[in-house]
Amino acid sequence: MSTTVLDRPLEEIVAENIRTESARRGFSQSAIAREVGMSQPAVNQRWRGVTRWQLDELDSLARLFGVSVAYLVSDNAPVPTVVVPPTGLEPATSGLEGPCSIH
């Protein structure tokens, strides 16, 4: 059963975060396998989201990457910025020029 966080399955989020952190630190799948004590094919299945990472594996990876397990299971993808075009209903500013004084 797939667990969904926001709009993406948790397995996809975790796999993406691990791929990102591995690339950031220059770790290959083989290097990850050595560090975590797994075979490279087992890492590859998890890398692609085919097999779920186990909690103890996530803990080892978090320590290796210097991040928290919570970071690895969080959707860290940037949120798309939505630009709303002007509607023509902006407040009028005419007549407001110059210093404002209250008497």
Protein backbone atom coordinates (compact mmCIF):
# COMPACT_ATOMS: atom_id res chain seq x y z
CA MET A 1 0.00 0.00 0.00
CA SER A 2 1.33 3.42 -0.95
CA THR A 3 1.25 6.27 1.55
CA THR A 4 0.64 9.67 -0.03
CA VAL A 5 2.08 12.87 1.37
CA LEU A 6 0.83 15.92 -0.48
CA ASP A 7 0.56 14.91 -4.13
CA ARG A 8 3.30 12.26 -4.28
CA PRO A 9 3.73 8.78 -2.82
CA LEU A 10 6.06 8.61 0.18
CA GLU A 11 8.25 6.01 -1.55
CA GLU A 12 8.88 8.47 -4.40
CA ILE A 13 9.68 11.31 -1.99
CA VAL A 14 12.16 9.22 0.00
CA ALA A 15 13.84 7.82 -3.12
CA GLU A 16 14.18 11.33 -4.59
CA ASN A 17 15.63 12.75 -1.38
CA ILE A 18 18.19 9.95 -1.16
CA ARG A 19 19.17 10.38 -4.83
CA THR A 20 19.51 14.13 -4.28
CA GLU A 21 21.62 13.82 -1.14
CA SER A 22 23.77 11.10 -2.74
CA ALA A 23 24.46 13.30 -5.76
CA ARG A 24 25.13 16.34 -3.56
CA ARG A 25 27.78 14.39 -1.67
CA GLY A 26 29.15 12.40 -4.62
CA PHE A 27 27.97 8.95 -3.48
CA SER A 28 27.26 6.29 -6.12
CA GLN A 29 24.81 3.45 -5.55
CA SER A 30 27.80 1.17 -4.92
CA ALA A 31 29.21 3.55 -2.32
CA ILE A 32 25.81 3.79 -0.61
CA ALA A 33 25.59 -0.02 -0.62
CA ARG A 34 29.00 -0.31 1.06
CA GLU A 35 28.21 2.34 3.66
CA VAL A 36 24.81 0.85 4.57
CA GLY A 37 25.87 -2.79 4.29
CA MET A 38 23.62 -3.77 1.38
CA SER A 39 24.13 -5.09 -2.13
CA GLN A 40 24.16 -2.62 -5.00
CA PRO A 41 21.07 -4.25 -6.63
CA ALA A 42 19.16 -3.86 -3.34
CA VAL A 43 20.12 -0.16 -3.23
CA ASN A 44 19.07 0.19 -6.88
CA GLN A 45 15.58 -1.16 -6.14
CA ARG A 46 15.17 1.30 -3.29
CA TRP A 47 16.77 4.09 -5.36
CA ARG A 48 14.03 3.69 -7.95
CA GLY A 49 11.25 3.39 -5.36
CA VAL A 50 10.53 -0.25 -6.26
CA THR A 51 11.33 -1.41 -2.72
CA ARG A 52 10.80 0.70 0.38
CA TRP A 53 13.75 1.81 2.48
CA GLN A 54 13.61 0.33 5.99
CA LEU A 55 13.82 2.59 9.03
CA ASP A 56 17.24 1.29 10.07
CA GLU A 57 18.50 1.93 6.52
CA LEU A 58 17.09 5.47 6.59
CA ASP A 59 18.81 6.04 9.92
CA SER A 60 22.16 4.91 8.46
CA LEU A 61 21.68 7.11 5.40
CA ALA A 62 20.65 10.13 7.48
CA ARG A 63 23.84 9.77 9.55
CA LEU A 64 25.93 9.37 6.39
CA PHE A 65 24.39 12.47 4.78
CA GLY A 66 24.34 14.54 7.97
CA VAL A 67 20.58 15.05 7.81
CA SER A 68 17.64 13.82 9.88
CA VAL A 69 15.42 10.88 9.00
CA ALA A 70 12.56 13.40 9.04
CA TYR A 71 14.30 15.30 6.23
CA LEU A 72 14.60 12.13 4.15
CA VAL A 73 10.87 11.39 4.48
CA SER A 74 9.70 14.98 3.92
CA ASP A 75 8.67 16.47 0.60
CA ASN A 76 11.54 18.89 0.07
CA ALA A 77 10.64 19.71 -3.53
CA PRO A 78 10.26 23.42 -4.11
CA VAL A 79 6.67 24.58 -4.17
CA PRO A 80 5.80 26.07 -7.56
CA THR A 81 5.32 29.81 -7.45
CA VAL A 82 2.00 30.95 -8.86
CA VAL A 83 2.06 34.43 -10.36
CA VAL A 84 -1.38 36.02 -10.43
CA PRO A 85 -1.76 38.62 -13.17
CA PRO A 86 -3.24 42.00 -12.24
CA THR A 87 -7.02 42.12 -12.34
CA GLY A 88 -7.46 45.84 -12.87
CA LEU A 89 -8.99 46.11 -9.40
CA GLU A 90 -5.93 47.56 -7.70
CA PRO A 91 -6.66 50.41 -5.27
CA ALA A 92 -6.56 53.92 -6.71
CA THR A 93 -3.63 56.01 -5.53
CA SER A 94 -4.31 59.32 -7.27
CA GLY A 95 -4.46 62.25 -4.93
CA LEU A 96 -2.26 60.54 -2.37
CA GLU A 97 1.02 62.02 -3.56
CA GLY A 98 3.14 64.08 -1.26
CA PRO A 99 3.71 63.98 2.48
CA CYS A 100 0.91 62.94 4.71
CA SER A 101 0.18 65.18 7.65
CA ILE A 102 -2.42 64.84 10.32
CA HIS A 103 -3.63 68.00 12.05
